[in-house]
Amino acid sequence: MSEKNEARLRRARQTRHKIREVGAVRLTVHRTNTHIYAQITTPAGDQVLAAASSAEKELRSQLKHGANRKAAELVGSRIAARAKEKGIERVAFDRAGYRYHGRVKALADAARAGGLKF
């Protein structure tokens, strides 16, 4: 594993530890070169309450590429809608050690616009 990825995982561990202390429902983002994924998990992290990704069939038909800001915005609005269906309004944002920039920021902004508070 590269030093860059180890540093990202270390940052992610620190964030997750803090979120677990607070006991908040967590909105986690995972980013790859081809897609972006979002999950809402329980405070313990043992159960996924809602999920959305650019790899879903409905979104793939709308997108030319799954790893850009437009895809992140669609995933953010979709995860917010699914959270609302489950009655979830407040979440803690876990960016998994990624910088709050670009696709991660676009997803977060779209989720906020969809009604999630964090």
C-alpha atoms as a PDB file:
ATOM      1  CA  MET A   1       0.000   0.000   0.000  1.00  0.00           C
ATOM      2  CA  SER A   2       1.286   3.451  -0.867  1.00  0.00           C
ATOM      3  CA  GLU A   3       2.145   6.070   1.725  1.00  0.00           C
ATOM      4  CA  LYS A   4      -0.550   8.329   0.293  1.00  0.00           C
ATOM      5  CA  ASN A   5      -3.258   5.696   0.788  1.00  0.00           C
ATOM      6  CA  GLU A   6      -1.977   4.848   4.290  1.00  0.00           C
ATOM      7  CA  ALA A   7      -2.246   8.523   5.243  1.00  0.00           C
ATOM      8  CA  ARG A   8      -5.800   8.681   3.869  1.00  0.00           C
ATOM      9  CA  LEU A   9      -6.803   5.591   5.851  1.00  0.00           C
ATOM     10  CA  ARG A  10      -5.234   7.053   9.013  1.00  0.00           C
ATOM     11  CA  ARG A  11      -7.302  10.234   8.581  1.00  0.00           C
ATOM     12  CA  ALA A  12     -10.405   8.111   7.960  1.00  0.00           C
ATOM     13  CA  ARG A  13      -9.792   6.115  11.165  1.00  0.00           C
ATOM     14  CA  GLN A  14      -9.546   9.306  13.213  1.00  0.00           C
ATOM     15  CA  THR A  15     -12.788  10.654  11.760  1.00  0.00           C
ATOM     16  CA  ARG A  16     -14.664   7.392  12.273  1.00  0.00           C
ATOM     17  CA  HIS A  17     -13.473   7.166  15.865  1.00  0.00           C
ATOM     18  CA  LYS A  18     -14.799  10.664  16.580  1.00  0.00           C
ATOM     19  CA  ILE A  19     -18.133   9.931  14.873  1.00  0.00           C
ATOM     20  CA  ARG A  20     -18.481   6.712  16.893  1.00  0.00           C
ATOM     21  CA  GLU A  21     -17.882   8.674  20.130  1.00  0.00           C
ATOM     22  CA  VAL A  22     -20.679  11.088  19.207  1.00  0.00           C
ATOM     23  CA  GLY A  23     -22.980   8.205  18.241  1.00  0.00           C
ATOM     24  CA  ALA A  24     -24.275   9.745  15.025  1.00  0.00           C
ATOM     25  CA  VAL A  25     -25.642   8.040  11.922  1.00  0.00           C
ATOM     26  CA  ARG A  26     -22.841   8.182   9.352  1.00  0.00           C
ATOM     27  CA  LEU A  27     -22.875   9.178   5.668  1.00  0.00           C
ATOM     28  CA  THR A  28     -19.778   7.559   4.159  1.00  0.00           C
ATOM     29  CA  VAL A  29     -18.314   8.372   0.751  1.00  0.00           C
ATOM     30  CA  HIS A  30     -16.060   6.096  -1.276  1.00  0.00           C
ATOM     31  CA  ARG A  31     -14.436   7.247  -4.485  1.00  0.00           C
ATOM     32  CA  THR A  32     -12.791   5.252  -7.262  1.00  0.00           C
ATOM     33  CA  ASN A  33     -11.476   6.199 -10.675  1.00  0.00           C
ATOM     34  CA  THR A  34     -14.687   4.989 -12.309  1.00  0.00           C
ATOM     35  CA  HIS A  35     -17.512   5.554  -9.764  1.00  0.00           C
ATOM     36  CA  ILE A  36     -18.541   7.242  -6.527  1.00  0.00           C
ATOM     37  CA  TYR A  37     -20.456   5.492  -3.748  1.00  0.00           C
ATOM     38  CA  ALA A  38     -22.365   6.723  -0.682  1.00  0.00           C
ATOM     39  CA  GLN A  39     -23.754   4.770   2.268  1.00  0.00           C
ATOM     40  CA  ILE A  40     -25.657   5.699   5.388  1.00  0.00           C
ATOM     41  CA  THR A  41     -24.754   3.381   8.263  1.00  0.00           C
ATOM     42  CA  THR A  42     -25.787   2.973  11.877  1.00  0.00           C
ATOM     43  CA  PRO A  43     -23.661   4.623  14.585  1.00  0.00           C
ATOM     44  CA  ALA A  44     -21.952   1.277  15.269  1.00  0.00           C
ATOM     45  CA  GLY A  45     -21.249   0.875  11.556  1.00  0.00           C
ATOM     46  CA  ASP A  46     -22.657  -2.654  11.478  1.00  0.00           C
ATOM     47  CA  GLN A  47     -25.718  -2.051   9.290  1.00  0.00           C
ATOM     48  CA  VAL A  48     -26.272  -0.126   6.049  1.00  0.00           C
ATOM     49  CA  LEU A  49     -29.496   1.896   6.180  1.00  0.00           C
ATOM     50  CA  ALA A  50     -29.351   3.389   2.671  1.00  0.00           C
ATOM     51  CA  ALA A  51     -26.941   3.335  -0.264  1.00  0.00           C
ATOM     52  CA  ALA A  52     -26.492   4.965  -3.660  1.00  0.00           C
ATOM     53  CA  SER A  53     -23.781   4.885  -6.296  1.00  0.00           C
ATOM     54  CA  SER A  54     -22.996   5.943  -9.829  1.00  0.00           C
ATOM     55  CA  ALA A  55     -22.733   2.231 -10.704  1.00  0.00           C
ATOM     56  CA  GLU A  56     -26.526   1.792 -10.399  1.00  0.00           C
ATOM     57  CA  LYS A  57     -28.244   0.952 -13.660  1.00  0.00           C
ATOM     58  CA  GLU A  58     -30.615   3.959 -13.596  1.00  0.00           C
ATOM     59  CA  LEU A  59     -27.754   6.423 -13.073  1.00  0.00           C
ATOM     60  CA  ARG A  60     -25.433   4.783 -15.596  1.00  0.00           C
ATOM     61  CA  SER A  61     -27.996   5.407 -18.315  1.00  0.00           C
ATOM     62  CA  GLN A  62     -28.054   9.141 -17.437  1.00  0.00           C
ATOM     63  CA  LEU A  63     -24.276   9.565 -17.205  1.00  0.00           C
ATOM     64  CA  LYS A  64     -21.506   9.436 -19.748  1.00  0.00           C
ATOM     65  CA  HIS A  65     -18.939   8.775 -17.002  1.00  0.00           C
ATOM     66  CA  GLY A  66     -19.519   7.758 -13.375  1.00  0.00           C
ATOM     67  CA  ALA A  67     -16.559   9.574 -11.867  1.00  0.00           C
ATOM     68  CA  ASN A  68     -17.267  13.263 -12.357  1.00  0.00           C
ATOM     69  CA  ARG A  69     -19.004  16.049 -10.427  1.00  0.00           C
ATOM     70  CA  LYS A  70     -22.315  15.537 -12.212  1.00  0.00           C
ATOM     71  CA  ALA A  71     -22.356  11.886 -11.125  1.00  0.00           C
ATOM     72  CA  ALA A  72     -21.485  12.898  -7.556  1.00  0.00           C
ATOM     73  CA  GLU A  73     -24.357  15.404  -7.496  1.00  0.00           C
ATOM     74  CA  LEU A  74     -26.824  12.763  -8.691  1.00  0.00           C
ATOM     75  CA  VAL A  75     -25.591  10.267  -6.084  1.00  0.00           C
ATOM     76  CA  GLY A  76     -25.826  12.943  -3.361  1.00  0.00           C
ATOM     77  CA  SER A  77     -29.414  13.817  -4.191  1.00  0.00           C
ATOM     78  CA  ARG A  78     -30.310  10.129  -4.460  1.00  0.00           C
ATOM     79  CA  ILE A  79     -28.822   9.233  -1.054  1.00  0.00           C
ATOM     80  CA  ALA A  80     -30.663  12.190   0.516  1.00  0.00           C
ATOM     81  CA  ALA A  81     -33.966  10.995  -0.943  1.00  0.00           C
ATOM     82  CA  ARG A  82     -33.399   7.442   0.296  1.00  0.00           C
ATOM     83  CA  ALA A  83     -32.467   8.721   3.751  1.00  0.00           C
ATOM     84  CA  LYS A  84     -35.641  10.816   3.885  1.00  0.00           C
ATOM     85  CA  GLU A  85     -37.684   7.709   3.043  1.00  0.00           C
ATOM     86  CA  LYS A  86     -36.135   5.970   6.074  1.00  0.00           C
ATOM     87  CA  GLY A  87     -36.792   9.010   8.292  1.00  0.00           C
ATOM     88  CA  ILE A  88     -33.130  10.022   8.610  1.00  0.00           C
ATOM     89  CA  GLU A  89     -32.456  13.764   8.662  1.00  0.00           C
ATOM     90  CA  ARG A  90     -29.215  14.223  10.636  1.00  0.00           C
ATOM     91  CA  VAL A  91     -25.983  12.476   9.696  1.00  0.00           C
ATOM     92  CA  ALA A  92     -22.269  12.838  10.331  1.00  0.00           C
ATOM     93  CA  PHE A  93     -20.286  13.198   7.092  1.00  0.00           C
ATOM     94  CA  ASP A  94     -17.457  10.673   6.779  1.00  0.00           C
ATOM     95  CA  ARG A  95     -15.356  11.624   3.780  1.00  0.00           C
ATOM     96  CA  ALA A  96     -13.076   8.581   4.327  1.00  0.00           C
ATOM     97  CA  GLY A  97      -9.912  10.679   4.446  1.00  0.00           C
ATOM     98  CA  TYR A  98     -10.519  12.252   1.029  1.00  0.00           C
ATOM     99  CA  ARG A  99     -10.120  16.016   0.694  1.00  0.00           C
ATOM    100  CA  TYR A 100     -13.355  17.995   0.879  1.00  0.00           C
ATOM    101  CA  HIS A 101     -13.000  19.085  -2.720  1.00  0.00           C
ATOM    102  CA  GLY A 102     -14.328  18.210  -6.170  1.00  0.00           C
ATOM    103  CA  ARG A 103     -16.531  15.117  -6.277  1.00  0.00           C
ATOM    104  CA  VAL A 104     -16.707  14.701  -2.490  1.00  0.00           C
ATOM    105  CA  LYS A 105     -17.826  18.317  -2.052  1.00  0.00           C
ATOM    106  CA  ALA A 106     -20.349  18.023  -4.899  1.00  0.00           C
ATOM    107  CA  LEU A 107     -21.892  14.933  -3.284  1.00  0.00           C
ATOM    108  CA  ALA A 108     -22.090  16.642   0.122  1.00  0.00           C
ATOM    109  CA  ASP A 109     -23.654  19.803  -1.306  1.00  0.00           C
ATOM    110  CA  ALA A 110     -26.265  17.782  -3.222  1.00  0.00           C
ATOM    111  CA  ALA A 111     -27.105  15.758  -0.095  1.00  0.00           C
ATOM    112  CA  ARG A 112     -27.551  18.998   1.870  1.00  0.00           C
ATOM    113  CA  ALA A 113     -29.766  20.404  -0.878  1.00  0.00           C
ATOM    114  CA  GLY A 114     -31.796  17.178  -0.680  1.00  0.00           C
ATOM    115  CA  GLY A 115     -32.541  17.844   2.992  1.00  0.00           C
ATOM    116  CA  LEU A 116     -29.820  16.043   4.962  1.00  0.00           C
ATOM    117  CA  LYS A 117     -28.267  18.010   7.824  1.00  0.00           C
ATOM    118  CA  PHE A 118     -24.607  17.584   8.778  1.00  0.00           C
END
